[in-house]
Amino acid sequence: MKKIYFIFITLIIGFYIINEVRKKRFSIKESFYWILGVLLMLILAIFPQCIDSLANYLGVAYPPSLLFVICILFLVLMNFRNSKRITKQQEEIIELEQNLTILRDKINKM
């Protein structure tokens, strides 16, 4: 029963992401990583013994802690990507403001 519950939750999250992309509220490029996360969640929901096997292979004593580490690493990487994008956009905004100021100055001189 737990397995069906987790599969159901994963499918709801997947459909939500796809729906947000369809409504153009979420970019396809960004959704790719979230869809990969959903697929990983679906695999773990269908085959929960995978996390146990991976934990044994890596020498992790408590398999759920490995799952938390994987989730945290995923979120940290997504946060890093978003921070890079924000920095790039801030630089572009500064450049656009400078160009706008130059154009306004040219208009005022005319």
PDB file of N, CA and C in Angstrom:
ATOM      1  N   MET A   1       0.824  -1.198   0.000  1.00  0.00           N
ATOM      2  CA  MET A   1       0.000   0.000   0.000  1.00  0.00           C
ATOM      3  C   MET A   1       0.869   1.264   0.000  1.00  0.00           C
ATOM      4  N   LYS A   2       1.974   1.244   0.772  1.00  0.00           N
ATOM      5  CA  LYS A   2       2.865   2.397   0.810  1.00  0.00           C
ATOM      6  C   LYS A   2       3.439   2.666  -0.568  1.00  0.00           C
ATOM      7  N   LYS A   3       3.760   1.598  -1.261  1.00  0.00           N
ATOM      8  CA  LYS A   3       4.356   1.725  -2.588  1.00  0.00           C
ATOM      9  C   LYS A   3       3.408   2.470  -3.530  1.00  0.00           C
ATOM     10  N   ILE A   4       2.149   2.131  -3.507  1.00  0.00           N
ATOM     11  CA  ILE A   4       1.152   2.784  -4.368  1.00  0.00           C
ATOM     12  C   ILE A   4       1.003   4.258  -3.978  1.00  0.00           C
ATOM     13  N   TYR A   5       1.040   4.532  -2.688  1.00  0.00           N
ATOM     14  CA  TYR A   5       0.934   5.905  -2.199  1.00  0.00           C
ATOM     15  C   TYR A   5       2.078   6.768  -2.740  1.00  0.00           C
ATOM     16  N   PHE A   6       3.315   6.261  -2.650  1.00  0.00           N
ATOM     17  CA  PHE A   6       4.466   7.024  -3.131  1.00  0.00           C
ATOM     18  C   PHE A   6       4.473   7.153  -4.648  1.00  0.00           C
ATOM     19  N   ILE A   7       4.036   6.119  -5.348  1.00  0.00           N
ATOM     20  CA  ILE A   7       3.926   6.205  -6.806  1.00  0.00           C
ATOM     21  C   ILE A   7       2.898   7.264  -7.178  1.00  0.00           C
ATOM     22  N   PHE A   8       1.784   7.295  -6.483  1.00  0.00           N
ATOM     23  CA  PHE A   8       0.730   8.273  -6.739  1.00  0.00           C
ATOM     24  C   PHE A   8       1.237   9.704  -6.507  1.00  0.00           C
ATOM     25  N   ILE A   9       1.939   9.920  -5.407  1.00  0.00           N
ATOM     26  CA  ILE A   9       2.482  11.254  -5.104  1.00  0.00           C
ATOM     27  C   ILE A   9       3.478  11.669  -6.185  1.00  0.00           C
ATOM     28  N   THR A  10       4.335  10.754  -6.605  1.00  0.00           N
ATOM     29  CA  THR A  10       5.329  11.051  -7.630  1.00  0.00           C
ATOM     30  C   THR A  10       4.655  11.417  -8.947  1.00  0.00           C
ATOM     31  N   LEU A  11       3.623  10.675  -9.308  1.00  0.00           N
ATOM     32  CA  LEU A  11       2.912  10.981 -10.554  1.00  0.00           C
ATOM     33  C   LEU A  11       2.220  12.341 -10.482  1.00  0.00           C
ATOM     34  N   ILE A  12       1.672  12.683  -9.339  1.00  0.00           N
ATOM     35  CA  ILE A  12       1.034  14.001  -9.177  1.00  0.00           C
ATOM     36  C   ILE A  12       2.076  15.108  -9.366  1.00  0.00           C
ATOM     37  N   ILE A  13       3.253  14.940  -8.767  1.00  0.00           N
ATOM     38  CA  ILE A  13       4.319  15.945  -8.911  1.00  0.00           C
ATOM     39  C   ILE A  13       4.738  16.052 -10.374  1.00  0.00           C
ATOM     40  N   GLY A  14       4.884  14.907 -11.041  1.00  0.00           N
ATOM     41  CA  GLY A  14       5.258  14.907 -12.460  1.00  0.00           C
ATOM     42  C   GLY A  14       4.224  15.606 -13.325  1.00  0.00           C
ATOM     43  N   PHE A  15       2.952  15.314 -13.097  1.00  0.00           N
ATOM     44  CA  PHE A  15       1.895  15.965 -13.877  1.00  0.00           C
ATOM     45  C   PHE A  15       1.842  17.463 -13.583  1.00  0.00           C
ATOM     46  N   TYR A  16       2.106  17.842 -12.341  1.00  0.00           N
ATOM     47  CA  TYR A  16       2.124  19.266 -11.992  1.00  0.00           C
ATOM     48  C   TYR A  16       3.226  19.993 -12.760  1.00  0.00           C
ATOM     49  N   ILE A  17       4.415  19.399 -12.814  1.00  0.00           N
ATOM     50  CA  ILE A  17       5.524  20.018 -13.543  1.00  0.00           C
ATOM     51  C   ILE A  17       5.198  20.142 -15.016  1.00  0.00           C
ATOM     52  N   ILE A  18       4.667  19.077 -15.602  1.00  0.00           N
ATOM     53  CA  ILE A  18       4.309  19.103 -17.023  1.00  0.00           C
ATOM     54  C   ILE A  18       3.221  20.143 -17.285  1.00  0.00           C
ATOM     55  N   ASN A  19       2.258  20.243 -16.386  1.00  0.00           N
ATOM     56  CA  ASN A  19       1.186  21.222 -16.541  1.00  0.00           C
ATOM     57  C   ASN A  19       1.724  22.647 -16.471  1.00  0.00           C
ATOM     58  N   GLU A  20       2.676  22.898 -15.579  1.00  0.00           N
ATOM     59  CA  GLU A  20       3.275  24.228 -15.477  1.00  0.00           C
ATOM     60  C   GLU A  20       4.041  24.590 -16.748  1.00  0.00           C
ATOM     61  N   VAL A  21       4.700  23.603 -17.353  1.00  0.00           N
ATOM     62  CA  VAL A  21       5.405  23.842 -18.618  1.00  0.00           C
ATOM     63  C   VAL A  21       4.395  24.137 -19.722  1.00  0.00           C
ATOM     64  N   ARG A  22       3.310  23.375 -19.751  1.00  0.00           N
ATOM     65  CA  ARG A  22       2.287  23.594 -20.781  1.00  0.00           C
ATOM     66  C   ARG A  22       1.680  24.987 -20.693  1.00  0.00           C
ATOM     67  N   LYS A  23       1.486  25.482 -19.472  1.00  0.00           N
ATOM     68  CA  LYS A  23       0.915  26.813 -19.277  1.00  0.00           C
ATOM     69  C   LYS A  23       1.960  27.915 -19.394  1.00  0.00           C
ATOM     70  N   LYS A  24       3.196  27.529 -19.735  1.00  0.00           N
ATOM     71  CA  LYS A  24       4.313  28.460 -19.924  1.00  0.00           C
ATOM     72  C   LYS A  24       4.647  29.240 -18.657  1.00  0.00           C
ATOM     73  N   ARG A  25       4.474  28.601 -17.499  1.00  0.00           N
ATOM     74  CA  ARG A  25       4.870  29.208 -16.231  1.00  0.00           C
ATOM     75  C   ARG A  25       6.228  28.684 -15.777  1.00  0.00           C
ATOM     76  N   PHE A  26       6.746  27.717 -16.518  1.00  0.00           N
ATOM     77  CA  PHE A  26       7.992  27.050 -16.154  1.00  0.00           C
ATOM     78  C   PHE A  26       8.692  26.691 -17.453  1.00  0.00           C
ATOM     79  N   SER A  27       9.989  26.991 -17.547  1.00  0.00           N
ATOM     80  CA  SER A  27      10.695  26.740 -18.801  1.00  0.00           C
ATOM     81  C   SER A  27      10.966  25.246 -18.991  1.00  0.00           C
ATOM     82  N   ILE A  28      11.028  24.848 -20.243  1.00  0.00           N
ATOM     83  CA  ILE A  28      11.305  23.454 -20.570  1.00  0.00           C
ATOM     84  C   ILE A  28      12.699  23.070 -20.084  1.00  0.00           C
ATOM     85  N   LYS A  29      13.639  23.994 -20.242  1.00  0.00           N
ATOM     86  CA  LYS A  29      15.013  23.725 -19.826  1.00  0.00           C
ATOM     87  C   LYS A  29      15.088  23.449 -18.325  1.00  0.00           C
ATOM     88  N   GLU A  30      14.412  24.244 -17.523  1.00  0.00           N
ATOM     89  CA  GLU A  30      14.416  24.041 -16.077  1.00  0.00           C
ATOM     90  C   GLU A  30      13.647  22.791 -15.685  1.00  0.00           C
ATOM     91  N   SER A  31      12.566  22.521 -16.376  1.00  0.00           N
ATOM     92  CA  SER A  31      11.744  21.372 -16.015  1.00  0.00           C
ATOM     93  C   SER A  31      12.471  20.054 -16.266  1.00  0.00           C
ATOM     94  N   PHE A  32      13.457  20.069 -17.159  1.00  0.00           N
ATOM     95  CA  PHE A  32      14.198  18.843 -17.464  1.00  0.00           C
ATOM     96  C   PHE A  32      14.801  18.239 -16.196  1.00  0.00           C
ATOM     97  N   TYR A  33      15.428  19.067 -15.359  1.00  0.00           N
ATOM     98  CA  TYR A  33      16.059  18.569 -14.136  1.00  0.00           C
ATOM     99  C   TYR A  33      15.024  18.082 -13.129  1.00  0.00           C
ATOM    100  N   TRP A  34      13.901  18.771 -13.064  1.00  0.00           N
ATOM    101  CA  TRP A  34      12.854  18.342 -12.142  1.00  0.00           C
ATOM    102  C   TRP A  34      12.204  17.046 -12.620  1.00  0.00           C
ATOM    103  N   ILE A  35      12.059  16.898 -13.927  1.00  0.00           N
ATOM    104  CA  ILE A  35      11.513  15.638 -14.457  1.00  0.00           C
ATOM    105  C   ILE A  35      12.477  14.492 -14.158  1.00  0.00           C
ATOM    106  N   LEU A  36      13.790  14.741 -14.288  1.00  0.00           N
ATOM    107  CA  LEU A  36      14.764  13.712 -13.912  1.00  0.00           C
ATOM    108  C   LEU A  36      14.615  13.341 -12.437  1.00  0.00           C
ATOM    109  N   GLY A  37      14.401  14.328 -11.585  1.00  0.00           N
ATOM    110  CA  GLY A  37      14.179  14.065 -10.164  1.00  0.00           C
ATOM    111  C   GLY A  37      12.925  13.242  -9.930  1.00  0.00           C
ATOM    112  N   VAL A  38      11.869  13.555 -10.682  1.00  0.00           N
ATOM    113  CA  VAL A  38      10.615  12.806 -10.556  1.00  0.00           C
ATOM    114  C   VAL A  38      10.824  11.367 -11.021  1.00  0.00           C
ATOM    115  N   LEU A  39      11.565  11.181 -12.110  1.00  0.00           N
ATOM    116  CA  LEU A  39      11.827   9.819 -12.578  1.00  0.00           C
ATOM    117  C   LEU A  39      12.628   9.024 -11.548  1.00  0.00           C
ATOM    118  N   LEU A  40      13.601   9.675 -10.913  1.00  0.00           N
ATOM    119  CA  LEU A  40      14.356   9.005  -9.863  1.00  0.00           C
ATOM    120  C   LEU A  40      13.441   8.649  -8.692  1.00  0.00           C
ATOM    121  N   MET A  41      12.554   9.578  -8.321  1.00  0.00           N
ATOM    122  CA  MET A  41      11.598   9.298  -7.250  1.00  0.00           C
ATOM    123  C   MET A  41      10.686   8.138  -7.622  1.00  0.00           C
ATOM    124  N   LEU A  42      10.274   8.081  -8.886  1.00  0.00           N
ATOM    125  CA  LEU A  42       9.397   7.001  -9.341  1.00  0.00           C
ATOM    126  C   LEU A  42      10.122   5.658  -9.285  1.00  0.00           C
ATOM    127  N   ILE A  43      11.374   5.636  -9.704  1.00  0.00           N
ATOM    128  CA  ILE A  43      12.151   4.394  -9.637  1.00  0.00           C
ATOM    129  C   ILE A  43      12.290   3.940  -8.189  1.00  0.00           C
ATOM    130  N   LEU A  44      12.580   4.888  -7.287  1.00  0.00           N
ATOM    131  CA  LEU A  44      12.714   4.527  -5.876  1.00  0.00           C
ATOM    132  C   LEU A  44      11.375   4.128  -5.255  1.00  0.00           C
ATOM    133  N   ALA A  45      10.276   4.685  -5.765  1.00  0.00           N
ATOM    134  CA  ALA A  45       8.961   4.301  -5.248  1.00  0.00           C
ATOM    135  C   ALA A  45       8.588   2.889  -5.711  1.00  0.00           C
ATOM    136  N   ILE A  46       8.955   2.555  -6.943  1.00  0.00           N
ATOM    137  CA  ILE A  46       8.634   1.221  -7.473  1.00  0.00           C
ATOM    138  C   ILE A  46       9.593   0.172  -6.915  1.00  0.00           C
ATOM    139  N   PHE A  47      10.867   0.522  -6.839  1.00  0.00           N
ATOM    140  CA  PHE A  47      11.894  -0.407  -6.365  1.00  0.00           C
ATOM    141  C   PHE A  47      12.602   0.178  -5.139  1.00  0.00           C
ATOM    142  N   PRO A  48      11.968   0.169  -3.976  1.00  0.00           N
ATOM    143  CA  PRO A  48      12.589   0.785  -2.804  1.00  0.00           C
ATOM    144  C   PRO A  48      13.870   0.085  -2.346  1.00  0.00           C
ATOM    145  N   GLN A  49      14.063  -1.145  -2.770  1.00  0.00           N
ATOM    146  CA  GLN A  49      15.277  -1.860  -2.384  1.00  0.00           C
ATOM    147  C   GLN A  49      16.513  -1.275  -3.073  1.00  0.00           C
ATOM    148  N   CYS A  50      16.323  -0.452  -4.108  1.00  0.00           N
ATOM    149  CA  CYS A  50      17.461   0.180  -4.800  1.00  0.00           C
ATOM    150  C   CYS A  50      18.269   1.054  -3.848  1.00  0.00           C
ATOM    151  N   ILE A  51      17.586   1.812  -3.000  1.00  0.00           N
ATOM    152  CA  ILE A  51      18.300   2.700  -2.073  1.00  0.00           C
ATOM    153  C   ILE A  51      19.064   1.877  -1.048  1.00  0.00           C
ATOM    154  N   ASP A  52      18.504   0.727  -0.655  1.00  0.00           N
ATOM    155  CA  ASP A  52      19.214  -0.152   0.278  1.00  0.00           C
ATOM    156  C   ASP A  52      20.473  -0.721  -0.361  1.00  0.00           C
ATOM    157  N   SER A  53      20.347  -1.155  -1.610  1.00  0.00           N
ATOM    158  CA  SER A  53      21.505  -1.713  -2.323  1.00  0.00           C
ATOM    159  C   SER A  53      22.586  -0.651  -2.519  1.00  0.00           C
ATOM    160  N   LEU A  54      22.167   0.542  -2.907  1.00  0.00           N
ATOM    161  CA  LEU A  54      23.120   1.632  -3.108  1.00  0.00           C
ATOM    162  C   LEU A  54      23.798   2.013  -1.791  1.00  0.00           C
ATOM    163  N   ALA A  55      23.025   2.042  -0.716  1.00  0.00           N
ATOM    164  CA  ALA A  55      23.589   2.365   0.603  1.00  0.00           C
ATOM    165  C   ALA A  55      24.598   1.305   1.021  1.00  0.00           C
ATOM    166  N   ASN A  56      24.281   0.040   0.796  1.00  0.00           N
ATOM    167  CA  ASN A  56      25.228  -1.032   1.124  1.00  0.00           C
ATOM    168  C   ASN A  56      26.495  -0.910   0.289  1.00  0.00           C
ATOM    169  N   TYR A  57      26.334  -0.602  -0.982  1.00  0.00           N
ATOM    170  CA  TYR A  57      27.486  -0.466  -1.871  1.00  0.00           C
ATOM    171  C   TYR A  57      28.391   0.691  -1.447  1.00  0.00           C
ATOM    172  N   LEU A  58      27.775   1.795  -1.023  1.00  0.00           N
ATOM    173  CA  LEU A  58      28.539   2.977  -0.608  1.00  0.00           C
ATOM    174  C   LEU A  58      28.989   2.910   0.849  1.00  0.00           C
ATOM    175  N   GLY A  59      28.506   1.920   1.579  1.00  0.00           N
ATOM    176  CA  GLY A  59      28.905   1.770   2.973  1.00  0.00           C
ATOM    177  C   GLY A  59      28.142   2.670   3.921  1.00  0.00           C
ATOM    178  N   VAL A  60      26.948   3.080   3.549  1.00  0.00           N
ATOM    179  CA  VAL A  60      26.114   3.921   4.406  1.00  0.00           C
ATOM    180  C   VAL A  60      25.309   2.998   5.316  1.00  0.00           C
ATOM    181  N   ALA A  61      25.382   3.232   6.620  1.00  0.00           N
ATOM    182  CA  ALA A  61      24.746   2.339   7.587  1.00  0.00           C
ATOM    183  C   ALA A  61      23.216   2.457   7.584  1.00  0.00           C
ATOM    184  N   TYR A  62      22.705   3.672   7.380  1.00  0.00           N
ATOM    185  CA  TYR A  62      21.257   3.907   7.450  1.00  0.00           C
ATOM    186  C   TYR A  62      20.779   4.406   6.085  1.00  0.00           C
ATOM    187  N   PRO A  63      20.177   3.542   5.269  1.00  0.00           N
ATOM    188  CA  PRO A  63      19.810   3.904   3.889  1.00  0.00           C
ATOM    189  C   PRO A  63      18.959   5.167   3.729  1.00  0.00           C
ATOM    190  N   PRO A  64      17.981   5.442   4.612  1.00  0.00           N
ATOM    191  CA  PRO A  64      17.222   6.687   4.430  1.00  0.00           C
ATOM    192  C   PRO A  64      18.088   7.945   4.492  1.00  0.00           C
ATOM    193  N   SER A  65      19.181   7.896   5.246  1.00  0.00           N
ATOM    194  CA  SER A  65      20.055   9.067   5.292  1.00  0.00           C
ATOM    195  C   SER A  65      20.709   9.316   3.937  1.00  0.00           C
ATOM    196  N   LEU A  66      20.981   8.256   3.196  1.00  0.00           N
ATOM    197  CA  LEU A  66      21.521   8.414   1.843  1.00  0.00           C
ATOM    198  C   LEU A  66      20.505   9.113   0.946  1.00  0.00           C
ATOM    199  N   LEU A  67      19.250   8.763   1.115  1.00  0.00           N
ATOM    200  CA  LEU A  67      18.193   9.407   0.335  1.00  0.00           C
ATOM    201  C   LEU A  67      18.142  10.903   0.643  1.00  0.00           C
ATOM    202  N   PHE A  68      18.265  11.269   1.907  1.00  0.00           N
ATOM    203  CA  PHE A  68      18.269  12.687   2.282  1.00  0.00           C
ATOM    204  C   PHE A  68      19.481  13.403   1.701  1.00  0.00           C
ATOM    205  N   VAL A  69      20.627  12.751   1.721  1.00  0.00           N
ATOM    206  CA  VAL A  69      21.834  13.362   1.163  1.00  0.00           C
ATOM    207  C   VAL A  69      21.661  13.595  -0.333  1.00  0.00           C
ATOM    208  N   ILE A  70      21.096  12.633  -1.033  1.00  0.00           N
ATOM    209  CA  ILE A  70      20.863  12.780  -2.478  1.00  0.00           C
ATOM    210  C   ILE A  70      19.922  13.954  -2.732  1.00  0.00           C
ATOM    211  N   CYS A  71      18.851  14.044  -1.962  1.00  0.00           N
ATOM    212  CA  CYS A  71      17.893  15.148  -2.132  1.00  0.00           C
ATOM    213  C   CYS A  71      18.545  16.499  -1.833  1.00  0.00           C
ATOM    214  N   ILE A  72      19.324  16.561  -0.777  1.00  0.00           N
ATOM    215  CA  ILE A  72      19.985  17.816  -0.420  1.00  0.00           C
ATOM    216  C   ILE A  72      20.968  18.229  -1.505  1.00  0.00           C
ATOM    217  N   LEU A  73      21.743  17.277  -2.019  1.00  0.00           N
ATOM    218  CA  LEU A  73      22.688  17.590  -3.095  1.00  0.00           C
ATOM    219  C   LEU A  73      21.956  18.097  -4.340  1.00  0.00           C
ATOM    220  N   PHE A  74      20.839  17.471  -4.674  1.00  0.00           N
ATOM    221  CA  PHE A  74      20.039  17.905  -5.818  1.00  0.00           C
ATOM    222  C   PHE A  74      19.577  19.346  -5.631  1.00  0.00           C
ATOM    223  N   LEU A  75      19.058  19.658  -4.448  1.00  0.00           N
ATOM    224  CA  LEU A  75      18.559  21.008  -4.186  1.00  0.00           C
ATOM    225  C   LEU A  75      19.684  22.038  -4.145  1.00  0.00           C
ATOM    226  N   VAL A  76      20.841  21.650  -3.611  1.00  0.00           N
ATOM    227  CA  VAL A  76      21.984  22.563  -3.593  1.00  0.00           C
ATOM    228  C   VAL A  76      22.434  22.863  -5.020  1.00  0.00           C
ATOM    229  N   LEU A  77      22.497  21.840  -5.862  1.00  0.00           N
ATOM    230  CA  LEU A  77      22.881  22.063  -7.261  1.00  0.00           C
ATOM    231  C   LEU A  77      21.872  22.950  -7.990  1.00  0.00           C
ATOM    232  N   MET A  78      20.577  22.743  -7.730  1.00  0.00           N
ATOM    233  CA  MET A  78      19.558  23.594  -8.356  1.00  0.00           C
ATOM    234  C   MET A  78      19.701  25.035  -7.850  1.00  0.00           C
ATOM    235  N   ASN A  79      19.973  25.199  -6.579  1.00  0.00           N
ATOM    236  CA  ASN A  79      20.166  26.529  -6.015  1.00  0.00           C
ATOM    237  C   ASN A  79      21.385  27.210  -6.629  1.00  0.00           C
ATOM    238  N   PHE A  80      22.462  26.461  -6.818  1.00  0.00           N
ATOM    239  CA  PHE A  80      23.660  27.003  -7.437  1.00  0.00           C
ATOM    240  C   PHE A  80      23.376  27.456  -8.871  1.00  0.00           C
ATOM    241  N   ARG A  81      22.655  26.629  -9.637  1.00  0.00           N
ATOM    242  CA  ARG A  81      22.301  27.001 -11.010  1.00  0.00           C
ATOM    243  C   ARG A  81      21.460  28.271 -11.019  1.00  0.00           C
ATOM    244  N   ASN A  82      20.508  28.368 -10.110  1.00  0.00           N
ATOM    245  CA  ASN A  82      19.665  29.558 -10.057  1.00  0.00           C
ATOM    246  C   ASN A  82      20.458  30.788  -9.643  1.00  0.00           C
ATOM    247  N   SER A  83      21.409  30.620  -8.739  1.00  0.00           N
ATOM    248  CA  SER A  83      22.249  31.745  -8.334  1.00  0.00           C
ATOM    249  C   SER A  83      23.089  32.240  -9.505  1.00  0.00           C
ATOM    250  N   LYS A  84      23.627  31.313 -10.289  1.00  0.00           N
ATOM    251  CA  LYS A  84      24.393  31.712 -11.468  1.00  0.00           C
ATOM    252  C   LYS A  84      23.517  32.486 -12.442  1.00  0.00           C
ATOM    253  N   ARG A  85      22.295  32.023 -12.644  1.00  0.00           N
ATOM    254  CA  ARG A  85      21.378  32.690 -13.566  1.00  0.00           C
ATOM    255  C   ARG A  85      21.027  34.081 -13.062  1.00  0.00           C
ATOM    256  N   ILE A  86      20.786  34.212 -11.768  1.00  0.00           N
ATOM    257  CA  ILE A  86      20.460  35.522 -11.193  1.00  0.00           C
ATOM    258  C   ILE A  86      21.619  36.485 -11.360  1.00  0.00           C
ATOM    259  N   THR A  87      22.837  36.008 -11.125  1.00  0.00           N
ATOM    260  CA  THR A  87      24.012  36.863 -11.290  1.00  0.00           C
ATOM    261  C   THR A  87      24.136  37.333 -12.731  1.00  0.00           C
ATOM    262  N   LYS A  88      23.937  36.428 -13.671  1.00  0.00           N
ATOM    263  CA  LYS A  88      24.014  36.788 -15.089  1.00  0.00           C
ATOM    264  C   LYS A  88      22.941  37.822 -15.446  1.00  0.00           C
ATOM    265  N   GLN A  89      21.734  37.619 -14.939  1.00  0.00           N
ATOM    266  CA  GLN A  89      20.657  38.556 -15.231  1.00  0.00           C
ATOM    267  C   GLN A  89      20.911  39.918 -14.595  1.00  0.00           C
ATOM    268  N   GLN A  90      21.493  39.946 -13.418  1.00  0.00           N
ATOM    269  CA  GLN A  90      21.826  41.221 -12.786  1.00  0.00           C
ATOM    270  C   GLN A  90      22.850  41.986 -13.615  1.00  0.00           C
ATOM    271  N   GLU A  91      23.839  41.275 -14.154  1.00  0.00           N
ATOM    272  CA  GLU A  91      24.824  41.919 -15.021  1.00  0.00           C
ATOM    273  C   GLU A  91      24.166  42.458 -16.288  1.00  0.00           C
ATOM    274  N   GLU A  92      23.235  41.694 -16.848  1.00  0.00           N
ATOM    275  CA  GLU A  92      22.530  42.151 -18.047  1.00  0.00           C
ATOM    276  C   GLU A  92      21.671  43.369 -17.742  1.00  0.00           C
ATOM    277  N   ILE A  93      21.056  43.403 -16.576  1.00  0.00           N
ATOM    278  CA  ILE A  93      20.239  44.554 -16.186  1.00  0.00           C
ATOM    279  C   ILE A  93      21.107  45.800 -16.062  1.00  0.00           C
ATOM    280  N   ILE A  94      22.281  45.660 -15.457  1.00  0.00           N
ATOM    281  CA  ILE A  94      23.190  46.805 -15.326  1.00  0.00           C
ATOM    282  C   ILE A  94      23.598  47.312 -16.704  1.00  0.00           C
ATOM    283  N   GLU A  95      23.908  46.395 -17.610  1.00  0.00           N
ATOM    284  CA  GLU A  95      24.292  46.795 -18.964  1.00  0.00           C
ATOM    285  C   GLU A  95      23.130  47.491 -19.678  1.00  0.00           C
ATOM    286  N   LEU A  96      21.925  46.972 -19.517  1.00  0.00           N
ATOM    287  CA  LEU A  96      20.754  47.612 -20.129  1.00  0.00           C
ATOM    288  C   LEU A  96      20.503  49.004 -19.545  1.00  0.00           C
ATOM    289  N   GLU A  97      20.677  49.158 -18.237  1.00  0.00           N
ATOM    290  CA  GLU A  97      20.519  50.477 -17.611  1.00  0.00           C
ATOM    291  C   GLU A  97      21.538  51.464 -18.162  1.00  0.00           C
ATOM    292  N   GLN A  98      22.769  51.013 -18.358  1.00  0.00           N
ATOM    293  CA  GLN A  98      23.803  51.887 -18.905  1.00  0.00           C
ATOM    294  C   GLN A  98      23.461  52.293 -20.339  1.00  0.00           C
ATOM    295  N   ASN A  99      23.013  51.322 -21.135  1.00  0.00           N
ATOM    296  CA  ASN A  99      22.617  51.634 -22.513  1.00  0.00           C
ATOM    297  C   ASN A  99      21.443  52.599 -22.545  1.00  0.00           C
ATOM    298  N   LEU A 100      20.490  52.406 -21.651  1.00  0.00           N
ATOM    299  CA  LEU A 100      19.338  53.290 -21.587  1.00  0.00           C
ATOM    300  C   LEU A 100      19.762  54.710 -21.211  1.00  0.00           C
ATOM    301  N   THR A 101      20.674  54.822 -20.279  1.00  0.00           N
ATOM    302  CA  THR A 101      21.174  56.134 -19.871  1.00  0.00           C
ATOM    303  C   THR A 101      21.881  56.831 -21.031  1.00  0.00           C
ATOM    304  N   ILE A 102      22.676  56.086 -21.785  1.00  0.00           N
ATOM    305  CA  ILE A 102      23.371  56.663 -22.944  1.00  0.00           C
ATOM    306  C   ILE A 102      22.360  57.130 -23.986  1.00  0.00           C
ATOM    307  N   LEU A 103      21.349  56.310 -24.251  1.00  0.00           N
ATOM    308  CA  LEU A 103      20.329  56.689 -25.235  1.00  0.00           C
ATOM    309  C   LEU A 103      19.536  57.912 -24.773  1.00  0.00           C
ATOM    310  N   ARG A 104      19.195  57.978 -23.508  1.00  0.00           N
ATOM    311  CA  ARG A 104      18.469  59.143 -22.984  1.00  0.00           C
ATOM    312  C   ARG A 104      19.331  60.406 -23.113  1.00  0.00           C
ATOM    313  N   ASP A 105      20.608  60.264 -22.849  1.00  0.00           N
ATOM    314  CA  ASP A 105      21.522  61.394 -22.965  1.00  0.00           C
ATOM    315  C   ASP A 105      21.585  61.878 -24.402  1.00  0.00           C
ATOM    316  N   LYS A 106      21.628  60.952 -25.352  1.00  0.00           N
ATOM    317  CA  LYS A 106      21.657  61.324 -26.786  1.00  0.00           C
ATOM    318  C   LYS A 106      20.379  62.018 -27.205  1.00  0.00           C
ATOM    319  N   ILE A 107      19.247  61.533 -26.681  1.00  0.00           N
ATOM    320  CA  ILE A 107      17.960  62.136 -27.001  1.00  0.00           C
ATOM    321  C   ILE A 107      17.891  63.553 -26.428  1.00  0.00           C
ATOM    322  N   ASN A 108      18.360  63.736 -25.219  1.00  0.00           N
ATOM    323  CA  ASN A 108      18.331  65.054 -24.589  1.00  0.00           C
ATOM    324  C   ASN A 108      19.220  66.039 -25.296  1.00  0.00           C
ATOM    325  N   LYS A 109      20.304  65.594 -25.896  1.00  0.00           N
ATOM    326  CA  LYS A 109      21.226  66.475 -26.624  1.00  0.00           C
ATOM    327  C   LYS A 109      20.633  66.909 -27.942  1.00  0.00           C
ATOM    328  N   MET A 110      19.717  66.123 -28.479  1.00  0.00           N
ATOM    329  CA  MET A 110      19.103  66.472 -29.756  1.00  0.00           C
ATOM    330  C   MET A 110      18.096  67.533 -29.500  1.00  0.00           C
TER     331      MET A 110
END
